[in-house]
Amino acid sequence: MGKIVPTLLLLVHGALVWSYELRAESTSSFLVADGGSWTTGFAKAKALVAKMTIEEKVNITTGYTGNCVGFTGEVPRLNVTAVCLQDGPNGVRPARRVSQFPAGVTTAATWNRDLMAARGTALGQEFHDKGVNIWLGPVAGGPLGRSPFGGRNWEGFSPDSYLTGVASYLTVKNAQDQGVITCAKHYIGYEQETFRNPYNLTEVYSVFPPLVQTPISSNFDDKTAHEVYLWSFAEAVRAGTGAIMCSYNEVNQTHSCSDDATLNGLLKTELAFQGAVISDWGGTWDTESFALGGLDISMPGTGLNIPGSPFFGLFGAFYGAELVALVENGTVSEARLDDMVLRTLTPILQHQDPNTYPLPTINVNDLNKPTNNVRRDHYTLIRDIGEEALTLVKNTGGLPLPNPASMQSLAVIGEDASASPYGATSCGDTGTACQIENNGTMTIGGGSGWAYPPYTIDPLAAINAFVRADGPDINAHLENWDLAAAALQASRSETALVFINAYAQEGADRHNLTSFSNGDALVKPVAAVNNNTIVILHIPGPVIVEDWIDLENVTAVLIAHLPGQESGNSLVPVLWGQKSPSGKLPYTVAKDVSDWPPNNIVSDPVLAPQANFTEKLLIDYKWFDAKNITPRWEFGFGLSYTTFKFGELSLVKSFKADNTSVQPTAEPFVKAGDSGSSMYDVLYTASVRVTNTGKVQGAEVAQLYISFPTSEDEPPNLLRGFDKLDLAPGQSGTATFDLTRKDLSVWNVVDQRWEIPQGAFTLSAGASSRDLRAVSTHKFA
């Protein structure tokens, strides 16, 4: 049986797109001779594979379920043990005695590279200490955030490829330095939950009989693939990720986990990825086409097709015996099978000593089983990330609050201010309480990105602890529907803090962009009776706030994102001015849903749903800039309790050979008159002087944007650098931005390579994507 695979053949409107032809054999790209930088692991893996039978090799590629969410097979006679794979992107899940870290989007809102790296380290430590071999994270661009409605956007970092790329690189590198292997996900074009994998069982969007409907196909062109959706995965690959998880969706009408063009072509050839491609759970639909198309490990293998499983009878036991037969009859070559096993074992044997690496101590089937505490002192990091992510988007004098001793009364309004009456474990995997009212403060979203908190410091608890000695009376109203009662408490208080939230989860996209559980309606009666109403939002992404944002008595608005277990402790220092807010939005907040591109979540119930990415490169702020749409708050925006002045933007030519790629990529490019050999060589360094001109200490994120020559079909501005400076009053600092060859390049769809275009570039530095205070023009080619 032949396989439909994509080739770059067809020129449409000046851009190459994928078309399809029937090919008898995949062009699978094998590992380079020495496994790239993993020379030790490759040598060990190669020696083991040479001793294995076909059945033993296939066993390595076929997953199964157990105490971990997934295992690879083992070869006992060669002492090759099973490899434990475990969720999730924001903490070990499902497991106890672990930390609930801030979500990826919250981490991105810090714009702090040090905190991004530290979070990767801490996550790596907890997965390692639990005996997990492969951490199923981070979310390195799937979803990226094409649509603000995306149910899982919060698991990742930002709809900006550059910002997500930086966070992905730092997360992967620092986590793997702890010994655990990362599995960057979900590759590629996984931008909606609706129709992602229609089993017609629990998915709310399923209307057809089981397996009649195909998954949503994400259809995008070659330039969009390289410059938007591949960019952050390239950062994960060069950071050395040992695994990549392919996604549920189709890509240009081929299952993602069997797509030769994106797996064997882009990932394993262009990016020279050395590790294993692992299917998302239930993302394998066939054995032959998936093995030839680039899938190395099928998860959970036979685990879905066992009596008692809700998926029993729907999927075959892919790989396993089927793959043995295909290798024995020559349909899949034994060389390809060897490649699959080498890719699986090489990073494991490079980073982990099977004689000393901890055995798994988790049991996903029994969360009450005693287990080891792996949290260390990570609560301090969790608090710091939450604090630096706090993004002040409106302030007409409401913040900071005065010394508690000078306050008489303070209203704390809304269910989001308090602990969940259902308990800390009511969300995520064990219940649906997150989807009903009165569930307490929102610390993280739902689904496999959830992690069980060991405790939750809710905002009210933290406020009470802070003011209890000599502070104000606390007038609390902890639900959202009795508006008269909420207004009564607000009317008896000098200041009112209103806490509202919005929920997002795996398996369903957001139905709207309003707040959850009557939150928007709660703000208005409070603001009607209290002239210092401050709104705090725990949200997974953009929300529409037009119903109340311009009310005169709404004097301040803080976006706290999804801060994890230390939620309240992160908030209090910023409320009372012990720290100035320094978060910046990692996405755009619009005034109306119609401001975003239309049809960005496909929901029509058809047999073969198609998501056509007609906006191409224009994701998030790039769309708003190109269409001249004024947002409520732009990408990169965030206020402070102090003020900052930017000096002139300078640029110097400063070649530095790439020394950051743990695993070099093979991305093709045109050299720019230098001796470099990597897309990640630094060619220039830009800098700008920033001065704190206010009266309190604060941190400013200096952001660098590039406008390409007008001859290029590029967005008006693209983020290409950021540097966070913490400055005392009157202090100045220099923000620096290293510009790599890739930062200055565009993808040439005809020549199939990156190149720096001719013409004038505009470089702009400032405090947000629309607050650009220093500008200079340069030519680089």
Foldseek 3Di string as FASTA:
>chain_A
DWAWAWDQDDADPNFTFTDTDTDLFFPFDFAPPQLFLLNVLLVVLVVVLVPDDLQQLLQQQFWAPFQARIWGGADVVVPGDIAGEADDLQWGPPAPLIFRFFAQQLLLLLVDLVLLLVSLQLRLLLCQVLLHQEYADDAQVQPLPQDLQAQCNRNFHFQFNQSSLSSLLSNQLNSCVSQHAYAHDAPWPNGHLQQLAAQVPPQPQHDDHGPLFARAEEEFGDQLCVNGTCRSVLSNQLSPHLHYEYGSHHYNPHQRLLHQCVARNCVCAQSVRSAAYEYDAVSDAAALSNLRSGHLHYPNQCHCQDPPHPNHPRGDSHRNPVVSVCCVVVSDDVVSSSSSSSRHRSSNSSRHDVVPRDHRFGGNVDNPPDGDNRHPVCVVSLLVSLQQSKFWQFAPPLPQDADQLPFAEEEEEEQQQAAAPVDQPQFAPNHDVVQDFNGYHFQDAYYSSGYRHNAACGQVNLVCVRNVPRGYHYQYDNGQDPLVSSLVSLLVGQEYEQEWEAHGYRSHTHPAQATPRNRLVNQVSSLVRHQSYEYEYAYSGAHANVSPPPRRSHRIYIYSHNRTRHNNSSPVCCNNVVAKHATFRSFFHANDSVLRDPPQDPSPDDRHHYHYPVVRQCGTQLSCQVVVNDGSGHGLDGDIPFDKDKAAKDKDFDWDEDPSRSRAGNAAEDDQPDPHDGQFIFGMKMKIKMFTQTAAKHKAKKWKWKAAAPVDPHRRIHTQAIDIDTDGHGDMDMDMGGGGNNNQWGQDSVVGHTYRDFDKMKMFIDRGPPGTDYIDIDGRD
